[in-house]
N, C-alpha and C. Protein backbone atom coordinates (compact mmCIF):
# COMPACT_ATOMS: atom_id res chain seq x y z
N MET A 1 81.84 -19.95 -0.39
CA MET A 1 80.94 -19.29 -1.33
C MET A 1 80.14 -18.25 -0.57
N THR A 2 80.10 -17.05 -1.13
CA THR A 2 79.36 -15.97 -0.48
C THR A 2 78.11 -15.57 -1.25
N ASP A 3 78.04 -15.88 -2.54
CA ASP A 3 76.90 -15.53 -3.39
C ASP A 3 76.37 -16.78 -4.06
N LEU A 4 75.04 -16.94 -4.01
CA LEU A 4 74.41 -18.07 -4.69
C LEU A 4 73.18 -17.56 -5.43
N ASN A 5 73.17 -17.77 -6.75
CA ASN A 5 72.07 -17.36 -7.59
C ASN A 5 71.36 -18.61 -8.11
N LEU A 6 70.16 -18.85 -7.59
CA LEU A 6 69.35 -19.99 -8.01
C LEU A 6 68.09 -19.52 -8.75
N SER A 7 68.16 -18.34 -9.33
CA SER A 7 66.99 -17.80 -10.03
C SER A 7 66.70 -18.60 -11.30
N LEU A 8 65.43 -18.55 -11.70
CA LEU A 8 64.98 -19.16 -12.97
C LEU A 8 65.26 -20.67 -13.04
N ASN A 9 65.05 -21.37 -11.92
CA ASN A 9 65.30 -22.81 -11.88
C ASN A 9 64.04 -23.64 -11.64
N LYS A 10 62.87 -23.00 -11.58
CA LYS A 10 61.61 -23.69 -11.35
C LYS A 10 61.60 -24.49 -10.04
N LEU A 11 62.35 -24.01 -9.05
CA LEU A 11 62.40 -24.68 -7.75
C LEU A 11 61.04 -24.56 -7.04
N ASP A 12 60.57 -25.64 -6.46
CA ASP A 12 59.35 -25.57 -5.65
C ASP A 12 59.67 -25.73 -4.16
N HIS A 13 60.93 -26.00 -3.86
CA HIS A 13 61.39 -26.03 -2.48
C HIS A 13 62.90 -25.80 -2.46
N LEU A 14 63.38 -25.39 -1.33
CA LEU A 14 64.81 -25.16 -1.15
C LEU A 14 65.33 -26.25 -0.22
N PRO A 15 66.28 -27.05 -0.66
CA PRO A 15 66.77 -28.15 0.20
C PRO A 15 67.41 -27.62 1.48
N ASP A 16 67.18 -28.31 2.58
CA ASP A 16 67.77 -27.92 3.86
C ASP A 16 69.29 -27.94 3.82
N GLU A 17 69.87 -28.67 2.88
CA GLU A 17 71.33 -28.75 2.78
C GLU A 17 71.97 -27.39 2.49
N ILE A 18 71.17 -26.43 2.07
CA ILE A 18 71.71 -25.10 1.80
C ILE A 18 72.31 -24.49 3.07
N THR A 19 71.87 -24.98 4.23
CA THR A 19 72.37 -24.43 5.48
C THR A 19 73.87 -24.74 5.69
N ALA A 20 74.40 -25.64 4.91
CA ALA A 20 75.85 -25.94 4.99
C ALA A 20 76.67 -24.78 4.44
N LEU A 21 76.04 -23.88 3.69
CA LEU A 21 76.75 -22.74 3.09
C LEU A 21 76.78 -21.59 4.10
N THR A 22 77.48 -21.80 5.19
CA THR A 22 77.44 -20.87 6.32
C THR A 22 78.06 -19.49 6.04
N SER A 23 78.84 -19.37 4.98
CA SER A 23 79.43 -18.05 4.67
C SER A 23 78.61 -17.30 3.63
N LEU A 24 77.43 -17.81 3.28
CA LEU A 24 76.59 -17.16 2.27
C LEU A 24 76.15 -15.78 2.73
N ARG A 25 76.33 -14.79 1.87
CA ARG A 25 75.93 -13.42 2.17
C ARG A 25 74.81 -12.94 1.25
N ARG A 26 74.71 -13.52 0.06
CA ARG A 26 73.67 -13.13 -0.89
C ARG A 26 73.04 -14.39 -1.47
N LEU A 27 71.70 -14.46 -1.37
CA LEU A 27 70.95 -15.60 -1.91
C LEU A 27 69.84 -15.08 -2.80
N ASN A 28 69.89 -15.45 -4.06
CA ASN A 28 68.90 -15.01 -5.03
C ASN A 28 68.05 -16.21 -5.44
N LEU A 29 66.77 -16.16 -5.10
CA LEU A 29 65.83 -17.23 -5.43
C LEU A 29 64.67 -16.73 -6.30
N GLU A 30 64.89 -15.61 -7.00
CA GLU A 30 63.79 -15.03 -7.78
C GLU A 30 63.43 -15.90 -8.97
N HIS A 31 62.21 -15.72 -9.41
CA HIS A 31 61.67 -16.43 -10.59
C HIS A 31 61.73 -17.94 -10.44
N ASN A 32 61.17 -18.44 -9.34
CA ASN A 32 61.03 -19.88 -9.13
C ASN A 32 59.56 -20.16 -8.84
N ASN A 33 59.27 -21.31 -8.28
CA ASN A 33 57.90 -21.69 -7.93
C ASN A 33 57.76 -21.90 -6.43
N LEU A 34 58.46 -21.10 -5.66
CA LEU A 34 58.47 -21.25 -4.20
C LEU A 34 57.24 -20.61 -3.58
N SER A 35 56.62 -21.31 -2.65
CA SER A 35 55.50 -20.75 -1.90
C SER A 35 55.82 -20.73 -0.41
N ARG A 36 56.84 -21.45 -0.02
CA ARG A 36 57.33 -21.43 1.35
C ARG A 36 58.82 -21.74 1.32
N ILE A 37 59.46 -21.42 2.40
CA ILE A 37 60.91 -21.67 2.50
C ILE A 37 61.14 -22.24 3.90
N SER A 38 61.96 -23.24 3.97
CA SER A 38 62.22 -23.91 5.24
C SER A 38 62.83 -22.96 6.25
N ASP A 39 62.46 -23.10 7.50
CA ASP A 39 63.04 -22.28 8.55
C ASP A 39 64.51 -22.59 8.74
N ALA A 40 65.00 -23.70 8.17
CA ALA A 40 66.41 -24.05 8.26
C ALA A 40 67.28 -22.98 7.61
N VAL A 41 66.70 -22.22 6.67
CA VAL A 41 67.45 -21.13 6.04
C VAL A 41 67.89 -20.09 7.07
N GLY A 42 67.26 -20.10 8.22
CA GLY A 42 67.64 -19.19 9.31
C GLY A 42 69.05 -19.44 9.83
N ASP A 43 69.62 -20.58 9.50
CA ASP A 43 71.01 -20.87 9.89
C ASP A 43 72.01 -20.04 9.09
N LEU A 44 71.56 -19.39 8.04
CA LEU A 44 72.44 -18.56 7.20
C LEU A 44 72.56 -17.18 7.84
N ILE A 45 73.17 -17.12 8.98
CA ILE A 45 73.15 -15.90 9.80
C ILE A 45 73.98 -14.75 9.24
N LEU A 46 74.83 -15.02 8.25
CA LEU A 46 75.62 -13.95 7.63
C LEU A 46 74.91 -13.31 6.43
N LEU A 47 73.72 -13.81 6.10
CA LEU A 47 73.00 -13.34 4.93
C LEU A 47 72.74 -11.84 5.02
N GLU A 48 73.08 -11.14 3.95
CA GLU A 48 72.88 -9.70 3.86
C GLU A 48 71.84 -9.31 2.83
N VAL A 49 71.69 -10.12 1.78
CA VAL A 49 70.73 -9.85 0.72
C VAL A 49 69.96 -11.14 0.44
N LEU A 50 68.63 -11.04 0.48
CA LEU A 50 67.78 -12.17 0.18
C LEU A 50 66.75 -11.73 -0.85
N VAL A 51 66.76 -12.37 -2.02
CA VAL A 51 65.86 -12.01 -3.10
C VAL A 51 64.87 -13.15 -3.29
N LEU A 52 63.60 -12.89 -3.00
CA LEU A 52 62.53 -13.89 -3.11
C LEU A 52 61.49 -13.44 -4.13
N SER A 53 61.83 -12.54 -4.99
CA SER A 53 60.91 -11.95 -5.96
C SER A 53 60.39 -12.98 -6.96
N PHE A 54 59.19 -12.72 -7.47
CA PHE A 54 58.58 -13.53 -8.53
C PHE A 54 58.46 -15.00 -8.15
N ASN A 55 57.83 -15.22 -6.99
CA ASN A 55 57.52 -16.57 -6.53
C ASN A 55 56.04 -16.58 -6.13
N PHE A 56 55.66 -17.43 -5.21
CA PHE A 56 54.26 -17.55 -4.81
C PHE A 56 54.09 -17.48 -3.30
N PHE A 57 54.93 -16.72 -2.61
CA PHE A 57 54.85 -16.61 -1.16
C PHE A 57 53.60 -15.87 -0.72
N VAL A 58 52.96 -16.38 0.32
CA VAL A 58 51.84 -15.67 0.94
C VAL A 58 52.27 -15.10 2.30
N ALA A 59 53.40 -15.58 2.82
CA ALA A 59 53.99 -15.09 4.06
C ALA A 59 55.47 -15.43 4.04
N GLY A 60 56.19 -14.91 5.00
CA GLY A 60 57.62 -15.19 5.09
C GLY A 60 57.90 -16.23 6.15
N PRO A 61 59.11 -16.76 6.17
CA PRO A 61 59.46 -17.78 7.15
C PRO A 61 59.79 -17.17 8.52
N ASP A 62 59.63 -17.96 9.57
CA ASP A 62 60.04 -17.54 10.91
C ASP A 62 61.53 -17.26 10.94
N ALA A 63 62.25 -17.81 9.98
CA ALA A 63 63.71 -17.67 9.93
C ALA A 63 64.17 -16.23 9.89
N PHE A 64 63.29 -15.30 9.50
CA PHE A 64 63.70 -13.90 9.44
C PHE A 64 64.21 -13.41 10.80
N ARG A 65 63.77 -14.06 11.87
CA ARG A 65 64.20 -13.64 13.21
C ARG A 65 65.71 -13.73 13.40
N THR A 66 66.39 -14.55 12.60
CA THR A 66 67.83 -14.75 12.79
C THR A 66 68.67 -13.94 11.81
N PHE A 67 68.05 -13.18 10.94
CA PHE A 67 68.78 -12.45 9.91
C PHE A 67 69.20 -11.06 10.40
N TYR A 68 70.04 -11.02 11.41
CA TYR A 68 70.46 -9.76 12.00
C TYR A 68 71.27 -8.89 11.04
N ARG A 69 71.90 -9.51 10.06
CA ARG A 69 72.75 -8.75 9.12
C ARG A 69 72.04 -8.42 7.82
N LEU A 70 70.79 -8.85 7.65
CA LEU A 70 70.07 -8.66 6.40
C LEU A 70 69.89 -7.17 6.14
N ARG A 71 70.42 -6.69 5.01
CA ARG A 71 70.31 -5.29 4.61
C ARG A 71 69.22 -5.10 3.58
N GLU A 72 69.00 -6.12 2.75
CA GLU A 72 68.06 -5.99 1.63
C GLU A 72 67.20 -7.23 1.54
N LEU A 73 65.87 -7.02 1.54
CA LEU A 73 64.92 -8.11 1.41
C LEU A 73 63.97 -7.75 0.27
N ARG A 74 64.00 -8.54 -0.77
CA ARG A 74 63.13 -8.32 -1.94
C ARG A 74 62.06 -9.40 -1.97
N PHE A 75 60.83 -8.97 -1.76
CA PHE A 75 59.69 -9.87 -1.65
C PHE A 75 58.62 -9.47 -2.67
N ASP A 76 59.04 -8.75 -3.73
CA ASP A 76 58.08 -8.24 -4.70
C ASP A 76 57.57 -9.35 -5.63
N ASN A 77 56.41 -9.10 -6.22
CA ASN A 77 55.80 -10.01 -7.19
C ASN A 77 55.57 -11.40 -6.62
N ASN A 78 54.91 -11.43 -5.47
CA ASN A 78 54.51 -12.67 -4.84
C ASN A 78 53.00 -12.61 -4.59
N GLU A 79 52.51 -13.37 -3.66
CA GLU A 79 51.07 -13.43 -3.37
C GLU A 79 50.75 -12.88 -1.97
N LEU A 80 51.64 -12.04 -1.44
CA LEU A 80 51.41 -11.49 -0.11
C LEU A 80 50.15 -10.62 -0.11
N ASP A 81 49.27 -10.89 0.86
CA ASP A 81 48.12 -10.01 1.06
C ASP A 81 48.39 -9.20 2.32
N VAL A 82 47.44 -8.43 2.76
CA VAL A 82 47.64 -7.58 3.93
C VAL A 82 48.05 -8.41 5.13
N LEU A 83 47.36 -9.53 5.35
CA LEU A 83 47.69 -10.38 6.51
C LEU A 83 49.09 -10.97 6.37
N GLY A 84 49.48 -11.33 5.16
CA GLY A 84 50.82 -11.85 4.93
C GLY A 84 51.89 -10.82 5.23
N VAL A 85 51.64 -9.59 4.87
CA VAL A 85 52.61 -8.53 5.15
C VAL A 85 52.68 -8.25 6.64
N VAL A 86 51.51 -8.20 7.28
CA VAL A 86 51.50 -7.99 8.73
C VAL A 86 52.26 -9.11 9.43
N TRP A 87 52.01 -10.33 9.00
CA TRP A 87 52.72 -11.48 9.57
C TRP A 87 54.22 -11.35 9.33
N LEU A 88 54.59 -10.99 8.13
CA LEU A 88 55.99 -10.83 7.78
C LEU A 88 56.66 -9.79 8.67
N LEU A 89 56.00 -8.68 8.89
CA LEU A 89 56.60 -7.59 9.65
C LEU A 89 56.56 -7.81 11.16
N THR A 90 55.54 -8.48 11.66
CA THR A 90 55.45 -8.63 13.11
C THR A 90 56.03 -9.95 13.59
N ARG A 91 56.20 -10.89 12.72
CA ARG A 91 56.79 -12.18 13.02
C ARG A 91 56.30 -12.75 14.36
N GLN A 92 55.01 -12.92 14.45
CA GLN A 92 54.37 -13.63 15.54
C GLN A 92 54.68 -13.08 16.93
N GLY A 93 54.20 -11.91 17.19
CA GLY A 93 54.24 -11.38 18.55
C GLY A 93 55.39 -10.47 18.90
N ILE A 94 56.31 -10.22 17.99
CA ILE A 94 57.39 -9.28 18.28
C ILE A 94 56.79 -7.88 18.14
N ASP A 95 56.87 -7.08 19.20
CA ASP A 95 56.26 -5.75 19.17
C ASP A 95 56.85 -4.84 18.11
N ASP A 96 58.16 -4.83 18.00
CA ASP A 96 58.82 -4.00 17.00
C ASP A 96 59.08 -4.87 15.78
N PRO A 97 58.40 -4.62 14.66
CA PRO A 97 58.52 -5.49 13.49
C PRO A 97 59.92 -5.58 12.92
N PHE A 98 60.77 -4.61 13.20
CA PHE A 98 62.12 -4.65 12.65
C PHE A 98 63.16 -4.94 13.73
N GLU A 99 62.71 -5.42 14.87
CA GLU A 99 63.61 -5.68 16.01
C GLU A 99 64.80 -6.55 15.63
N SER A 100 64.56 -7.68 14.99
CA SER A 100 65.66 -8.57 14.64
C SER A 100 66.26 -8.22 13.29
N LEU A 101 65.59 -7.36 12.53
CA LEU A 101 66.12 -6.95 11.23
C LEU A 101 66.73 -5.57 11.37
N GLU A 102 67.58 -5.41 12.38
CA GLU A 102 68.13 -4.09 12.68
C GLU A 102 69.01 -3.52 11.59
N SER A 103 69.56 -4.37 10.71
CA SER A 103 70.42 -3.87 9.62
C SER A 103 69.65 -3.63 8.32
N LEU A 104 68.35 -3.94 8.32
CA LEU A 104 67.55 -3.83 7.10
C LEU A 104 67.51 -2.39 6.60
N GLU A 105 67.89 -2.22 5.34
CA GLU A 105 67.88 -0.91 4.71
C GLU A 105 66.81 -0.82 3.62
N LEU A 106 66.52 -1.95 2.98
CA LEU A 106 65.58 -1.93 1.85
C LEU A 106 64.64 -3.14 1.93
N LEU A 107 63.35 -2.87 1.91
CA LEU A 107 62.32 -3.90 1.89
C LEU A 107 61.43 -3.61 0.69
N VAL A 108 61.39 -4.54 -0.27
CA VAL A 108 60.62 -4.34 -1.51
C VAL A 108 59.43 -5.30 -1.50
N LEU A 109 58.22 -4.72 -1.55
CA LEU A 109 56.98 -5.49 -1.54
C LEU A 109 56.11 -5.20 -2.75
N ASP A 110 56.65 -4.60 -3.79
CA ASP A 110 55.89 -4.24 -4.98
C ASP A 110 55.12 -5.43 -5.55
N ASN A 111 53.97 -5.12 -6.12
CA ASN A 111 53.17 -6.07 -6.90
C ASN A 111 52.82 -7.34 -6.14
N ASN A 112 52.29 -7.13 -4.95
CA ASN A 112 51.67 -8.19 -4.18
C ASN A 112 50.18 -7.85 -4.09
N LYS A 113 49.47 -8.52 -3.24
CA LYS A 113 48.04 -8.24 -3.10
C LYS A 113 47.80 -7.24 -1.96
N VAL A 114 48.67 -6.25 -1.89
CA VAL A 114 48.62 -5.27 -0.81
C VAL A 114 48.44 -3.88 -1.42
N PRO A 115 47.44 -3.12 -0.95
CA PRO A 115 47.35 -1.74 -1.42
C PRO A 115 48.37 -0.89 -0.65
N PRO A 116 49.05 0.04 -1.24
CA PRO A 116 49.14 0.28 -2.67
C PRO A 116 49.97 -0.80 -3.35
N PRO A 117 49.78 -0.99 -4.66
CA PRO A 117 50.46 -2.08 -5.35
C PRO A 117 51.98 -1.94 -5.38
N ASN A 118 52.50 -0.77 -5.22
CA ASN A 118 53.95 -0.57 -5.20
C ASN A 118 54.38 -0.13 -3.81
N ALA A 119 55.08 -1.00 -3.12
CA ALA A 119 55.47 -0.72 -1.75
C ALA A 119 56.94 -1.04 -1.55
N THR A 120 57.75 -0.04 -1.76
CA THR A 120 59.19 -0.19 -1.51
C THR A 120 59.54 0.71 -0.35
N LEU A 121 60.14 0.15 0.66
CA LEU A 121 60.50 0.91 1.84
C LEU A 121 62.00 1.02 1.93
N ASN A 122 62.48 2.24 1.99
CA ASN A 122 63.89 2.45 2.26
C ASN A 122 63.96 2.72 3.75
N ILE A 123 64.27 1.69 4.50
CA ILE A 123 64.22 1.74 5.95
C ILE A 123 65.18 2.79 6.52
N LYS A 124 66.37 2.86 6.00
CA LYS A 124 67.37 3.81 6.51
C LYS A 124 66.86 5.23 6.45
N ASP A 125 66.19 5.61 5.36
CA ASP A 125 65.72 6.97 5.19
C ASP A 125 64.45 7.27 5.99
N SER A 126 63.68 6.21 6.32
CA SER A 126 62.39 6.46 6.99
C SER A 126 62.48 6.38 8.50
N VAL A 127 63.59 5.91 9.03
CA VAL A 127 63.75 5.81 10.48
C VAL A 127 64.56 6.99 10.98
N SER A 128 63.99 7.69 11.92
CA SER A 128 64.72 8.84 12.47
C SER A 128 65.66 8.36 13.58
N PRO A 129 66.82 9.02 13.72
CA PRO A 129 67.76 8.60 14.77
C PRO A 129 67.19 8.81 16.14
N ALA A 130 67.57 7.94 17.07
CA ALA A 130 67.05 8.03 18.46
C ALA A 130 67.78 9.07 19.24
């Protein structure tokens, strides 16, 4: 299985057993009741698209450090505040916030508690070649 859509299921947690889906490339968890996600999800190293929209996250998991292939991260319509976004981007002491997310092309942070209220970053277009 490469795509899993668990949207609109009123989930308040994601079972660690999801890590058995090692070929997963797209995981959609939008419109649930999630406020945190287990770091075990970091075992999904082939993940390319992660949709966490319309939940109750205040920060992201440490697991983002292992998502080297992640191209699209949708974190809109959550409870992220400025500190949550800083934490999400810097992931506890990494100087370059996108160091492990080298494949990231799209980061959507719209409608969180962060000014401005609409924050969609097209990473590919905003990073100049070295």
